[in-house]
C-alpha atoms as a PDB file:
ATOM      1  CA  MET A   1      -9.231 -12.425   8.391  1.00  0.00           C
ATOM      2  CA  GLU A   2      -8.990 -16.187   8.060  1.00  0.00           C
ATOM      3  CA  THR A   3     -12.278 -16.335   6.174  1.00  0.00           C
ATOM      4  CA  PHE A   4     -11.083 -13.704   3.702  1.00  0.00           C
ATOM      5  CA  GLU A   5      -7.767 -15.523   3.242  1.00  0.00           C
ATOM      6  CA  LYS A   6      -9.640 -18.749   2.456  1.00  0.00           C
ATOM      7  CA  LEU A   7     -12.291 -17.242   0.202  1.00  0.00           C
ATOM      8  CA  VAL A   8     -10.053 -15.231  -2.136  1.00  0.00           C
ATOM      9  CA  PRO A   9      -8.404 -18.286  -3.745  1.00  0.00           C
ATOM     10  CA  ALA A  10     -11.785 -20.019  -4.026  1.00  0.00           C
ATOM     11  CA  LEU A  11     -13.291 -16.962  -5.686  1.00  0.00           C
ATOM     12  CA  ARG A  12     -10.360 -16.651  -8.097  1.00  0.00           C
ATOM     13  CA  ASP A  13     -10.684 -20.337  -8.998  1.00  0.00           C
ATOM     14  CA  GLU A  14     -14.398 -19.941  -9.668  1.00  0.00           C
ATOM     15  CA  LEU A  15     -13.817 -16.842 -11.802  1.00  0.00           C
ATOM     16  CA  GLU A  16     -11.298 -18.779 -13.902  1.00  0.00           C
ATOM     17  CA  ARG A  17     -13.730 -21.692 -14.170  1.00  0.00           C
ATOM     18  CA  GLN A  18     -16.332 -19.240 -15.484  1.00  0.00           C
ATOM     19  CA  GLY A  19     -13.851 -17.899 -18.036  1.00  0.00           C
ATOM     20  CA  ARG A  20     -13.352 -14.576 -16.259  1.00  0.00           C
ATOM     21  CA  ASP A  21     -10.018 -12.948 -15.556  1.00  0.00           C
ATOM     22  CA  PRO A  22      -9.620 -12.769 -11.747  1.00  0.00           C
ATOM     23  CA  SER A  23      -7.297  -9.764 -12.091  1.00  0.00           C
ATOM     24  CA  THR A  24     -10.240  -7.693 -13.359  1.00  0.00           C
ATOM     25  CA  PHE A  25     -12.441  -8.586 -10.386  1.00  0.00           C
ATOM     26  CA  PRO A  26     -12.031  -6.343  -7.327  1.00  0.00           C
ATOM     27  CA  MET A  27     -11.339  -8.220  -4.129  1.00  0.00           C
ATOM     28  CA  SER A  28     -13.020  -5.914  -1.632  1.00  0.00           C
ATOM     29  CA  LYS A  29     -12.917  -5.926   2.139  1.00  0.00           C
ATOM     30  CA  ARG A  30     -14.506  -3.528   4.608  1.00  0.00           C
ATOM     31  CA  VAL A  31     -12.152  -2.795   7.496  1.00  0.00           C
ATOM     32  CA  TYR A  32     -13.780  -1.546  10.679  1.00  0.00           C
ATOM     33  CA  ILE A  33     -10.796  -0.073  12.451  1.00  0.00           C
ATOM     34  CA  ALA A  34      -9.946   1.580  15.747  1.00  0.00           C
ATOM     35  CA  ILE A  35      -6.365   2.773  16.027  1.00  0.00           C
ATOM     36  CA  ASP A  36      -5.540   3.458  19.650  1.00  0.00           C
ATOM     37  CA  ASP A  37      -2.469   2.717  21.767  1.00  0.00           C
ATOM     38  CA  ASP A  38      -4.910   1.693  24.499  1.00  0.00           C
ATOM     39  CA  THR A  39      -6.075  -1.631  23.058  1.00  0.00           C
ATOM     40  CA  GLU A  40      -8.776  -2.225  25.658  1.00  0.00           C
ATOM     41  CA  ARG A  41     -10.272   1.249  25.187  1.00  0.00           C
ATOM     42  CA  ALA A  42     -10.384   0.698  21.408  1.00  0.00           C
ATOM     43  CA  ARG A  43     -12.083  -2.695  21.830  1.00  0.00           C
ATOM     44  CA  ARG A  44     -14.576  -1.249  24.321  1.00  0.00           C
ATOM     45  CA  ARG A  45     -15.452   1.675  22.040  1.00  0.00           C
ATOM     46  CA  LEU A  46     -15.939  -0.658  19.077  1.00  0.00           C
ATOM     47  CA  CYS A  47     -18.176  -2.958  21.121  1.00  0.00           C
ATOM     48  CA  GLU A  48     -20.238   0.050  22.209  1.00  0.00           C
ATOM     49  CA  TRP A  49     -20.538   1.252  18.612  1.00  0.00           C
ATOM     50  CA  PHE A  50     -21.564  -2.171  17.272  1.00  0.00           C
ATOM     51  CA  GLY A  51     -24.006  -2.570  20.153  1.00  0.00           C
ATOM     52  CA  HIS A  52     -25.595   0.792  19.410  1.00  0.00           C
ATOM     53  CA  ASN A  53     -25.662   0.454  15.605  1.00  0.00           C
ATOM     54  CA  TYR A  54     -26.210  -3.291  15.135  1.00  0.00           C
ATOM     55  CA  ASP A  55     -27.524  -4.336  18.556  1.00  0.00           C
ATOM     56  CA  ASP A  56     -24.599  -6.776  18.692  1.00  0.00           C
ATOM     57  CA  PRO A  57     -21.507  -5.684  20.651  1.00  0.00           C
ATOM     58  CA  ALA A  58     -19.823  -9.029  19.950  1.00  0.00           C
ATOM     59  CA  MET A  59     -19.813  -8.224  16.245  1.00  0.00           C
ATOM     60  CA  ALA A  60     -16.731  -6.072  16.865  1.00  0.00           C
ATOM     61  CA  GLU A  61     -14.750  -9.197  17.719  1.00  0.00           C
ATOM     62  CA  GLN A  62     -15.751 -10.751  14.392  1.00  0.00           C
ATOM     63  CA  VAL A  63     -15.307  -7.934  11.882  1.00  0.00           C
ATOM     64  CA  ALA A  64     -13.010  -5.261  13.318  1.00  0.00           C
ATOM     65  CA  VAL A  65      -9.353  -4.649  14.036  1.00  0.00           C
ATOM     66  CA  TRP A  66      -8.163  -2.407  16.861  1.00  0.00           C
ATOM     67  CA  GLY A  67      -5.144  -1.467  18.859  1.00  0.00           C
ATOM     68  CA  PRO A  68      -1.875   0.339  18.151  1.00  0.00           C
ATOM     69  CA  ALA A  69      -1.245   1.494  14.594  1.00  0.00           C
ATOM     70  CA  GLU A  70       1.418  -1.155  14.009  1.00  0.00           C
ATOM     71  CA  HIS A  71      -1.022  -3.950  14.862  1.00  0.00           C
ATOM     72  CA  CYS A  72      -3.753  -2.502  12.651  1.00  0.00           C
ATOM     73  CA  PHE A  73      -1.340  -1.972   9.754  1.00  0.00           C
ATOM     74  CA  GLU A  74      -0.102  -5.565  10.041  1.00  0.00           C
ATOM     75  CA  TYR A  75      -3.719  -6.667   9.666  1.00  0.00           C
ATOM     76  CA  VAL A  76      -4.178  -4.436   6.601  1.00  0.00           C
ATOM     77  CA  ASP A  77      -0.929  -5.737   5.104  1.00  0.00           C
ATOM     78  CA  ARG A  78      -2.179  -9.313   5.613  1.00  0.00           C
ATOM     79  CA  LEU A  79      -5.391  -8.448   3.756  1.00  0.00           C
ATOM     80  CA  ILE A  80      -3.386  -7.051   0.864  1.00  0.00           C
ATOM     81  CA  ALA A  81      -1.104 -10.099   0.848  1.00  0.00           C
ATOM     82  CA  ALA A  82      -4.214 -12.314   0.822  1.00  0.00           C
ATOM     83  CA  GLY A  83      -5.403 -10.586  -2.349  1.00  0.00           C
ATOM     84  CA  ALA A  84      -7.431  -7.548  -1.300  1.00  0.00           C
ATOM     85  CA  THR A  85      -7.421  -4.976  -4.083  1.00  0.00           C
ATOM     86  CA  HIS A  86     -10.082  -2.665  -2.673  1.00  0.00           C
ATOM     87  CA  LEU A  87     -10.225  -1.738   0.998  1.00  0.00           C
ATOM     88  CA  LEU A  88     -13.037   0.262   2.521  1.00  0.00           C
ATOM     89  CA  PHE A  89     -11.752   1.697   5.781  1.00  0.00           C
ATOM     90  CA  ASN A  90     -14.495   2.345   8.273  1.00  0.00           C
ATOM     91  CA  PRO A  91     -13.304   4.087  11.416  1.00  0.00           C
ATOM     92  CA  VAL A  92     -16.316   4.465  13.668  1.00  0.00           C
ATOM     93  CA  PHE A  93     -14.931   7.312  15.818  1.00  0.00           C
ATOM     94  CA  ASP A  94     -12.027   9.792  15.836  1.00  0.00           C
ATOM     95  CA  TYR A  95     -12.354  10.192  12.071  1.00  0.00           C
ATOM     96  CA  ALA A  96      -9.723  12.892  11.511  1.00  0.00           C
ATOM     97  CA  GLU A  97      -7.133  11.003  13.549  1.00  0.00           C
ATOM     98  CA  HIS A  98      -7.821   7.809  11.631  1.00  0.00           C
ATOM     99  CA  ILE A  99      -7.548   9.546   8.264  1.00  0.00           C
ATOM    100  CA  GLU A 100      -4.119  10.832   9.270  1.00  0.00           C
ATOM    101  CA  ALA A 101      -3.016   7.427  10.532  1.00  0.00           C
ATOM    102  CA  LEU A 102      -4.321   5.663   7.395  1.00  0.00           C
ATOM    103  CA  ARG A 103      -2.829   8.169   4.943  1.00  0.00           C
ATOM    104  CA  PRO A 104      -0.125   5.716   3.714  1.00  0.00           C
ATOM    105  CA  TYR A 105      -2.895   3.375   2.533  1.00  0.00           C
ATOM    106  CA  LEU A 106      -5.031   6.004   0.820  1.00  0.00           C
ATOM    107  CA  PRO A 107      -4.697   6.211  -2.979  1.00  0.00           C
ATOM    108  CA  VAL A 108      -5.621   9.894  -3.140  1.00  0.00           C
ATOM    109  CA  GLU A 109      -4.875  12.957  -1.103  1.00  0.00           C
ATOM    110  CA  VAL A 110      -7.632  13.684   1.431  1.00  0.00           C
END
């Protein structure tokens, strides 16, 4: 999160320096997410998934958000406040449940 919050202003400044309108440049962020009231279970499942798919369980700690919906939504709201204009939600399990939970953030009906 902190990296994204720092890089967005730098990217906007560089776009302006290059004569480009920053408002026309999508600020994208992939959000690996695990919504679960059991925070430890969500973290464990993410670590297992990242270990299996990237051979790096610790990657979950660096690039994912997990826990109760309120915590995850606060994270998403911070991304938006930091300038994210395009979010790619990537739940790695319980897909249908995540789609339902994320519905307020989805621009189209799914």
